[in-house]
Amino acid sequence: MVGTTKESTEAFDSIIALGSNLGDKVGNIDTAIRLLGERSDVRLVRRSRSFTTEPWGKTDQDTFVNACISVATKLSPRALLERCQEIERHMGRVQTERWGPRLIDLDLLVYGDQTIQEPDFVLPHPHIGERAFVLAPLMDIAPDLVLGGRSIRTLHAAIDLSGVQPLT
């Protein structure tokens, strides 16, 4: 863990996007969610369905499975981000190229209504409205969430979802 983080006494709802396109994709997401909730400072509130999605950014790779979860936590935003990165490392993620294949990816999308603008950390995540693989699962858990003056429902309706399918 880099630096120190202050924990709050108040729980905040945060949203985390998860994705995998290597190995047991669904199992990788399930494991990451289980690991995130193993400590008492993060509690799962809601989970979306899992979706199979076409790769984004770097398209010459296997399809992804994506999901989103809402969690209640007393961790600070930075501490929650660090927890997500710790789980990625624990599960064996090795980042070899930007937008490349990944065993597991956890992205902190939203932390309550907080806005953070730091060189290595921006909340809400700046690309939510551009990514169908995020918007589809977000519709399951937070359709009325408003980001930048637009609801997830509105952003979802405006994006091409042709490469996104719910898993049965």
C-alpha atoms as a PDB file:
ATOM      1  CA  MET A   1       0.000   0.000   0.000  1.00  0.00           C
ATOM      2  CA  VAL A   2       1.352   3.418  -0.936  1.00  0.00           C
ATOM      3  CA  GLY A   3       1.204   6.069   1.775  1.00  0.00           C
ATOM      4  CA  THR A   4      -1.409   6.118   4.476  1.00  0.00           C
ATOM      5  CA  THR A   5      -5.139   6.151   4.051  1.00  0.00           C
ATOM      6  CA  LYS A   6      -7.727   7.466   6.435  1.00  0.00           C
ATOM      7  CA  GLU A   7     -10.824   5.377   6.971  1.00  0.00           C
ATOM      8  CA  SER A   8     -14.195   7.021   7.473  1.00  0.00           C
ATOM      9  CA  THR A   9     -16.782   5.997  10.043  1.00  0.00           C
ATOM     10  CA  GLU A  10     -19.535   6.470   7.452  1.00  0.00           C
ATOM     11  CA  ALA A  11     -20.178   3.836   4.751  1.00  0.00           C
ATOM     12  CA  PHE A  12     -20.356   5.012   1.146  1.00  0.00           C
ATOM     13  CA  ASP A  13     -21.855   3.192  -1.804  1.00  0.00           C
ATOM     14  CA  SER A  14     -19.245   2.733  -4.471  1.00  0.00           C
ATOM     15  CA  ILE A  15     -19.448   1.041  -7.852  1.00  0.00           C
ATOM     16  CA  ILE A  16     -16.748  -1.225  -9.226  1.00  0.00           C
ATOM     17  CA  ALA A  17     -16.567  -2.639 -12.758  1.00  0.00           C
ATOM     18  CA  LEU A  18     -15.042  -6.087 -13.215  1.00  0.00           C
ATOM     19  CA  GLY A  19     -13.786  -7.752 -16.374  1.00  0.00           C
ATOM     20  CA  SER A  20     -11.891 -10.854 -17.468  1.00  0.00           C
ATOM     21  CA  ASN A  21     -10.946 -12.421 -20.789  1.00  0.00           C
ATOM     22  CA  LEU A  22      -8.446 -15.099 -19.725  1.00  0.00           C
ATOM     23  CA  GLY A  23      -9.103 -18.509 -18.191  1.00  0.00           C
ATOM     24  CA  ASP A  24     -12.376 -19.053 -16.319  1.00  0.00           C
ATOM     25  CA  LYS A  25     -13.755 -15.576 -16.934  1.00  0.00           C
ATOM     26  CA  VAL A  26     -16.915 -15.926 -14.837  1.00  0.00           C
ATOM     27  CA  GLY A  27     -14.962 -17.690 -12.095  1.00  0.00           C
ATOM     28  CA  ASN A  28     -12.366 -14.910 -12.082  1.00  0.00           C
ATOM     29  CA  ILE A  29     -15.062 -12.300 -11.521  1.00  0.00           C
ATOM     30  CA  ASP A  30     -16.704 -14.403  -8.798  1.00  0.00           C
ATOM     31  CA  THR A  31     -13.333 -14.833  -7.063  1.00  0.00           C
ATOM     32  CA  ALA A  32     -12.577 -11.100  -7.194  1.00  0.00           C
ATOM     33  CA  ILE A  33     -15.969 -10.280  -5.676  1.00  0.00           C
ATOM     34  CA  ARG A  34     -15.449 -12.872  -2.934  1.00  0.00           C
ATOM     35  CA  LEU A  35     -11.971 -11.508  -2.148  1.00  0.00           C
ATOM     36  CA  LEU A  36     -13.267  -7.940  -2.056  1.00  0.00           C
ATOM     37  CA  GLY A  37     -15.896  -8.878   0.526  1.00  0.00           C
ATOM     38  CA  GLU A  38     -13.679 -11.090   2.714  1.00  0.00           C
ATOM     39  CA  ARG A  39     -12.766  -8.207   4.990  1.00  0.00           C
ATOM     40  CA  SER A  40     -15.414  -6.457   7.042  1.00  0.00           C
ATOM     41  CA  ASP A  41     -14.667  -3.015   5.571  1.00  0.00           C
ATOM     42  CA  VAL A  42     -16.317  -3.755   2.203  1.00  0.00           C
ATOM     43  CA  ARG A  43     -19.850  -5.180   1.875  1.00  0.00           C
ATOM     44  CA  LEU A  44     -21.516  -6.223  -1.370  1.00  0.00           C
ATOM     45  CA  VAL A  45     -24.784  -4.331  -1.893  1.00  0.00           C
ATOM     46  CA  ARG A  46     -25.784  -5.243  -5.462  1.00  0.00           C
ATOM     47  CA  ARG A  47     -24.370  -7.279  -8.322  1.00  0.00           C
ATOM     48  CA  SER A  48     -25.234  -7.032 -11.993  1.00  0.00           C
ATOM     49  CA  ARG A  49     -25.670  -9.916 -14.336  1.00  0.00           C
ATOM     50  CA  SER A  50     -22.538 -10.986 -16.172  1.00  0.00           C
ATOM     51  CA  PHE A  51     -22.247  -9.921 -19.808  1.00  0.00           C
ATOM     52  CA  THR A  52     -20.107 -11.236 -22.608  1.00  0.00           C
ATOM     53  CA  THR A  53     -18.593  -8.296 -24.465  1.00  0.00           C
ATOM     54  CA  GLU A  54     -16.384  -7.593 -27.432  1.00  0.00           C
ATOM     55  CA  PRO A  55     -12.909  -6.271 -26.576  1.00  0.00           C
ATOM     56  CA  TRP A  56     -12.526  -2.503 -26.491  1.00  0.00           C
ATOM     57  CA  GLY A  57      -9.413  -0.521 -27.387  1.00  0.00           C
ATOM     58  CA  LYS A  58      -7.395  -3.532 -28.516  1.00  0.00           C
ATOM     59  CA  THR A  59      -9.755  -5.689 -30.528  1.00  0.00           C
ATOM     60  CA  ASP A  60      -7.536  -8.662 -31.529  1.00  0.00           C
ATOM     61  CA  GLN A  61      -8.163 -10.675 -28.370  1.00  0.00           C
ATOM     62  CA  ASP A  62     -10.770 -12.973 -26.834  1.00  0.00           C
ATOM     63  CA  THR A  63     -14.156 -11.677 -25.693  1.00  0.00           C
ATOM     64  CA  PHE A  64     -14.596 -10.447 -22.136  1.00  0.00           C
ATOM     65  CA  VAL A  65     -17.018 -11.183 -19.358  1.00  0.00           C
ATOM     66  CA  ASN A  66     -17.973  -7.987 -17.519  1.00  0.00           C
ATOM     67  CA  ALA A  67     -20.053  -7.158 -14.467  1.00  0.00           C
ATOM     68  CA  CYS A  68     -20.539  -4.310 -12.001  1.00  0.00           C
ATOM     69  CA  ILE A  69     -21.050  -4.341  -8.268  1.00  0.00           C
ATOM     70  CA  SER A  70     -22.131  -1.782  -5.742  1.00  0.00           C
ATOM     71  CA  VAL A  71     -20.399  -1.981  -2.383  1.00  0.00           C
ATOM     72  CA  ALA A  72     -20.732  -0.165   0.906  1.00  0.00           C
ATOM     73  CA  THR A  73     -17.383   0.673   2.439  1.00  0.00           C
ATOM     74  CA  LYS A  74     -15.765   2.761   5.109  1.00  0.00           C
ATOM     75  CA  LEU A  75     -12.490   2.780   3.204  1.00  0.00           C
ATOM     76  CA  SER A  76     -11.403   6.023   1.614  1.00  0.00           C
ATOM     77  CA  PRO A  77     -11.611   6.182  -2.193  1.00  0.00           C
ATOM     78  CA  ARG A  78      -7.828   5.739  -2.469  1.00  0.00           C
ATOM     79  CA  ALA A  79      -7.853   2.784  -0.055  1.00  0.00           C
ATOM     80  CA  LEU A  80     -10.667   1.118  -2.027  1.00  0.00           C
ATOM     81  CA  LEU A  81      -8.712   1.618  -5.261  1.00  0.00           C
ATOM     82  CA  GLU A  82      -5.645   0.083  -3.614  1.00  0.00           C
ATOM     83  CA  ARG A  83      -7.749  -2.871  -2.417  1.00  0.00           C
ATOM     84  CA  CYS A  84      -8.924  -3.465  -5.984  1.00  0.00           C
ATOM     85  CA  GLN A  85      -5.335  -3.357  -7.255  1.00  0.00           C
ATOM     86  CA  GLU A  86      -4.234  -5.699  -4.456  1.00  0.00           C
ATOM     87  CA  ILE A  87      -6.873  -8.241  -5.539  1.00  0.00           C
ATOM     88  CA  GLU A  88      -5.719  -7.983  -9.160  1.00  0.00           C
ATOM     89  CA  ARG A  89      -2.134  -8.734  -8.093  1.00  0.00           C
ATOM     90  CA  HIS A  90      -3.221 -11.519  -5.730  1.00  0.00           C
ATOM     91  CA  MET A  91      -5.138 -13.213  -8.537  1.00  0.00           C
ATOM     92  CA  GLY A  92      -2.081 -13.048 -10.799  1.00  0.00           C
ATOM     93  CA  ARG A  93      -2.882 -10.189 -13.140  1.00  0.00           C
ATOM     94  CA  VAL A  94       0.123  -9.143 -15.173  1.00  0.00           C
ATOM     95  CA  GLN A  95      -0.342  -5.985 -17.201  1.00  0.00           C
ATOM     96  CA  THR A  96       1.617  -6.376 -20.419  1.00  0.00           C
ATOM     97  CA  GLU A  97      -0.090  -3.867 -22.704  1.00  0.00           C
ATOM     98  CA  ARG A  98      -2.742  -1.178 -22.482  1.00  0.00           C
ATOM     99  CA  TRP A  99      -6.235  -2.613 -23.008  1.00  0.00           C
ATOM    100  CA  GLY A 100      -4.668  -6.043 -23.516  1.00  0.00           C
ATOM    101  CA  PRO A 101      -5.836  -9.417 -22.242  1.00  0.00           C
ATOM    102  CA  ARG A 102      -6.384  -9.633 -18.514  1.00  0.00           C
ATOM    103  CA  LEU A 103      -7.133 -12.308 -15.984  1.00  0.00           C
ATOM    104  CA  ILE A 104      -9.040  -9.770 -13.890  1.00  0.00           C
ATOM    105  CA  ASP A 105      -9.634  -6.046 -13.981  1.00  0.00           C
ATOM    106  CA  LEU A 106     -11.307  -4.041 -11.226  1.00  0.00           C
ATOM    107  CA  ASP A 107     -12.069  -0.393 -11.942  1.00  0.00           C
ATOM    108  CA  LEU A 108     -13.467   1.918  -9.302  1.00  0.00           C
ATOM    109  CA  LEU A 109     -16.141   3.864 -11.178  1.00  0.00           C
ATOM    110  CA  VAL A 110     -17.934   5.889  -8.520  1.00  0.00           C
ATOM    111  CA  TYR A 111     -17.449   6.600  -4.820  1.00  0.00           C
ATOM    112  CA  GLY A 112     -20.624   8.158  -3.481  1.00  0.00           C
ATOM    113  CA  ASP A 113     -20.924  11.607  -4.986  1.00  0.00           C
ATOM    114  CA  GLN A 114     -17.220  12.376  -4.654  1.00  0.00           C
ATOM    115  CA  THR A 115     -15.204  13.908  -7.456  1.00  0.00           C
ATOM    116  CA  ILE A 116     -11.447  13.334  -7.529  1.00  0.00           C
ATOM    117  CA  GLN A 117      -9.052  14.815 -10.086  1.00  0.00           C
ATOM    118  CA  GLU A 118      -5.532  13.542  -9.466  1.00  0.00           C
ATOM    119  CA  PRO A 119      -2.883  12.571 -12.034  1.00  0.00           C
ATOM    120  CA  ASP A 120      -3.300   8.846 -11.278  1.00  0.00           C
ATOM    121  CA  PHE A 121      -6.874   8.750  -9.956  1.00  0.00           C
ATOM    122  CA  VAL A 122     -10.060  10.272 -11.382  1.00  0.00           C
ATOM    123  CA  LEU A 123     -13.593   9.782 -10.051  1.00  0.00           C
ATOM    124  CA  PRO A 124     -16.131   9.306 -11.384  1.00  0.00           C
ATOM    125  CA  HIS A 125     -14.270   7.211 -13.944  1.00  0.00           C
ATOM    126  CA  PRO A 126     -13.978   9.489 -16.983  1.00  0.00           C
ATOM    127  CA  HIS A 127     -14.933   6.908 -19.653  1.00  0.00           C
ATOM    128  CA  ILE A 128     -18.119   5.362 -18.230  1.00  0.00           C
ATOM    129  CA  GLY A 129     -20.356   6.895 -20.913  1.00  0.00           C
ATOM    130  CA  GLU A 130     -18.131   5.623 -23.755  1.00  0.00           C
ATOM    131  CA  ARG A 131     -18.082   1.945 -22.817  1.00  0.00           C
ATOM    132  CA  ALA A 132     -20.995  -0.372 -23.486  1.00  0.00           C
ATOM    133  CA  PHE A 133     -19.268  -3.096 -21.439  1.00  0.00           C
ATOM    134  CA  VAL A 134     -19.643  -0.825 -18.399  1.00  0.00           C
ATOM    135  CA  LEU A 135     -23.036   0.695 -19.167  1.00  0.00           C
ATOM    136  CA  ALA A 136     -24.831  -2.640 -19.703  1.00  0.00           C
ATOM    137  CA  PRO A 137     -24.045  -4.015 -16.221  1.00  0.00           C
ATOM    138  CA  LEU A 138     -24.523  -0.562 -14.661  1.00  0.00           C
ATOM    139  CA  MET A 139     -28.106  -0.594 -15.953  1.00  0.00           C
ATOM    140  CA  ASP A 140     -28.739  -3.606 -13.693  1.00  0.00           C
ATOM    141  CA  ILE A 141     -27.612  -1.912 -10.496  1.00  0.00           C
ATOM    142  CA  ALA A 142     -27.772   1.881 -10.960  1.00  0.00           C
ATOM    143  CA  PRO A 143     -29.922   2.975 -13.928  1.00  0.00           C
ATOM    144  CA  ASP A 144     -30.847   6.269 -12.265  1.00  0.00           C
ATOM    145  CA  LEU A 145     -27.308   7.222 -11.266  1.00  0.00           C
ATOM    146  CA  VAL A 146     -26.533  10.638 -12.768  1.00  0.00           C
ATOM    147  CA  LEU A 147     -23.042  11.423 -14.046  1.00  0.00           C
ATOM    148  CA  GLY A 148     -22.237  14.682 -15.782  1.00  0.00           C
ATOM    149  CA  GLY A 149     -25.914  15.610 -15.917  1.00  0.00           C
ATOM    150  CA  ARG A 150     -26.964  12.359 -17.662  1.00  0.00           C
ATOM    151  CA  SER A 151     -28.382   9.200 -16.121  1.00  0.00           C
ATOM    152  CA  ILE A 152     -26.944   5.764 -16.776  1.00  0.00           C
ATOM    153  CA  ARG A 153     -30.290   4.982 -18.422  1.00  0.00           C
ATOM    154  CA  THR A 154     -29.778   7.866 -20.895  1.00  0.00           C
ATOM    155  CA  LEU A 155     -26.130   6.981 -21.563  1.00  0.00           C
ATOM    156  CA  HIS A 156     -27.093   3.316 -22.068  1.00  0.00           C
ATOM    157  CA  ALA A 157     -29.819   4.234 -24.582  1.00  0.00           C
ATOM    158  CA  ALA A 158     -27.336   6.307 -26.605  1.00  0.00           C
ATOM    159  CA  ILE A 159     -24.573   3.683 -27.043  1.00  0.00           C
ATOM    160  CA  ASP A 160     -24.136   0.806 -29.491  1.00  0.00           C
ATOM    161  CA  LEU A 161     -24.755  -2.393 -27.509  1.00  0.00           C
ATOM    162  CA  SER A 162     -24.389  -4.814 -30.427  1.00  0.00           C
ATOM    163  CA  GLY A 163     -21.276  -6.468 -28.935  1.00  0.00           C
ATOM    164  CA  VAL A 164     -22.793  -6.938 -25.462  1.00  0.00           C
ATOM    165  CA  GLN A 165     -24.892  -9.965 -24.487  1.00  0.00           C
ATOM    166  CA  PRO A 166     -26.092 -11.063 -21.025  1.00  0.00           C
ATOM    167  CA  LEU A 167     -24.880 -14.504 -19.987  1.00  0.00           C
ATOM    168  CA  THR A 168     -27.617 -16.985 -19.233  1.00  0.00           C
END
